[in-house]
Protein backbone atom coordinates (compact mmCIF):
# COMPACT_ATOMS: atom_id res chain seq x y z
CA MET A 1 2.62 25.20 -6.32
CA HIS A 2 -0.76 23.76 -7.36
CA TYR A 3 -3.36 22.01 -5.27
CA LEU A 4 -6.07 19.79 -6.64
CA LEU A 5 -9.38 19.85 -4.78
CA THR A 6 -11.31 16.66 -5.33
CA GLU A 7 -14.26 14.65 -4.11
CA HIS A 8 -12.63 11.46 -5.38
CA ASN A 9 -12.68 8.43 -3.13
CA ALA A 10 -9.54 6.42 -2.65
CA TYR A 11 -8.57 3.59 -0.34
CA PHE A 12 -6.18 3.94 2.58
CA ILE A 13 -4.53 0.65 3.45
CA THR A 14 -2.52 -0.06 6.56
CA ILE A 15 -0.18 -3.00 6.16
CA ARG A 16 1.33 -4.90 9.04
CA GLY A 17 3.90 -7.63 9.03
CA CYS A 18 3.26 -11.28 9.72
CA ARG A 19 5.04 -11.14 13.06
CA GLU A 20 5.96 -8.58 15.71
CA ASP A 21 9.62 -8.06 14.71
CA PHE A 22 8.81 -7.58 11.01
CA PRO A 23 10.31 -5.77 9.05
CA ARG A 24 13.24 -5.16 11.42
CA ASN A 25 14.36 -8.81 11.26
CA MET A 26 13.43 -10.03 7.79
CA THR A 27 14.65 -13.37 6.53
CA ALA A 28 16.41 -13.55 3.15
CA GLU A 29 13.18 -14.90 1.60
CA GLU A 30 11.11 -12.07 3.14
CA THR A 31 13.62 -9.51 1.83
CA LYS A 32 13.13 -10.88 -1.69
CA ILE A 33 9.35 -10.88 -1.31
CA MET A 34 9.38 -7.27 -0.08
CA LYS A 35 11.46 -6.28 -3.13
CA ASP A 36 8.75 -7.91 -5.26
CA HIS A 37 6.17 -5.96 -3.21
CA PHE A 38 8.01 -2.71 -3.97
CA ASP A 39 8.17 -3.58 -7.69
CA TYR A 40 4.44 -4.42 -7.67
CA LEU A 41 3.57 -1.07 -6.06
CA GLN A 42 5.82 0.72 -8.54
CA GLY A 43 3.80 -0.91 -11.33
CA LEU A 44 0.55 0.32 -9.74
CA MET A 45 2.01 3.83 -9.59
CA GLU A 46 2.92 3.70 -13.28
CA LYS A 47 -0.70 2.69 -14.04
CA GLY A 48 -2.03 5.64 -12.00
CA LYS A 49 -3.57 3.39 -9.32
CA LEU A 50 -1.18 4.25 -6.47
CA ILE A 51 -1.10 7.71 -4.90
CA MET A 52 1.36 7.02 -2.07
CA ALA A 53 3.14 4.20 -0.25
CA GLY A 54 5.49 4.37 2.72
CA ARG A 55 6.49 3.03 6.10
CA ASN A 56 5.79 4.39 9.56
CA LEU A 57 9.16 4.35 11.31
CA ASP A 58 7.60 4.45 14.78
CA ASN A 59 5.57 1.26 14.60
CA ASP A 60 6.74 -0.59 11.47
CA SER A 61 3.34 -0.32 9.75
CA GLY A 62 3.15 0.54 6.10
CA TYR A 63 0.62 2.79 4.40
CA ILE A 64 -0.74 2.72 0.88
CA ILE A 65 -3.27 5.04 -0.75
CA LEU A 66 -4.86 3.63 -3.90
CA ASN A 67 -6.53 5.82 -6.53
CA ILE A 68 -9.40 3.48 -7.38
CA LYS A 69 -13.19 3.47 -7.20
CA SER A 70 -14.21 0.39 -5.21
CA LEU A 71 -13.29 -1.70 -2.22
CA ASP A 72 -13.46 -4.80 -4.43
CA GLU A 73 -10.78 -3.35 -6.72
CA ALA A 74 -8.62 -2.44 -3.69
CA LYS A 75 -8.91 -5.98 -2.34
CA THR A 76 -8.15 -7.49 -5.75
CA LEU A 77 -5.07 -5.30 -6.24
CA MET A 78 -3.75 -6.11 -2.78
CA SER A 79 -4.49 -9.83 -3.10
CA ASN A 80 -2.19 -9.81 -6.15
CA ASP A 81 0.65 -8.17 -4.19
CA PRO A 82 3.43 -10.78 -3.77
CA SER A 83 3.83 -9.95 -0.07
CA VAL A 84 0.12 -10.55 0.59
CA LYS A 85 0.09 -13.73 -1.51
CA LYS A 86 3.02 -15.10 0.53
CA ASN A 87 1.43 -14.00 3.87
CA VAL A 88 4.31 -11.67 4.72
CA ILE A 89 2.01 -8.67 5.23
CA GLN A 90 -1.68 -8.25 6.00
CA PRO A 91 -3.68 -5.30 4.62
CA VAL A 92 -6.45 -3.43 6.47
CA PHE A 93 -8.70 -1.32 4.22
CA GLU A 94 -10.34 2.05 4.86
CA GLU A 95 -12.25 4.21 2.40
CA PHE A 96 -10.57 7.60 2.15
CA ARG A 97 -11.65 10.81 0.45
CA VAL A 98 -8.83 12.87 -0.99
CA SER A 99 -9.85 16.49 -0.37
CA MET A 100 -6.64 18.21 -1.35
CA LEU A 101 -3.60 16.93 -3.23
CA LYS A 102 -0.41 18.80 -4.05
CA CYS A 103 0.42 18.36 -7.75
């Protein structure tokens, strides 16, 4: 097991749905958009820009950690996410320093 110690900044993004019962009661259109969202994030991972993405099962929030250098880049990447473009989710950005990462 290897651990990488780093002083690299990343961006932690909390995503919340457009309404209180999202994603538990998605419409067919929202389901398609969220598949496009997943595909978009998968593309970011392949480019080395995404560290982690997942869903909090207690409160239906999602979390994304981006491996990028600026808030502007984080906002640009998220504004190109199909689910943000279609107003299905809303991102909240926080700068995050990765101190230790299991490789």
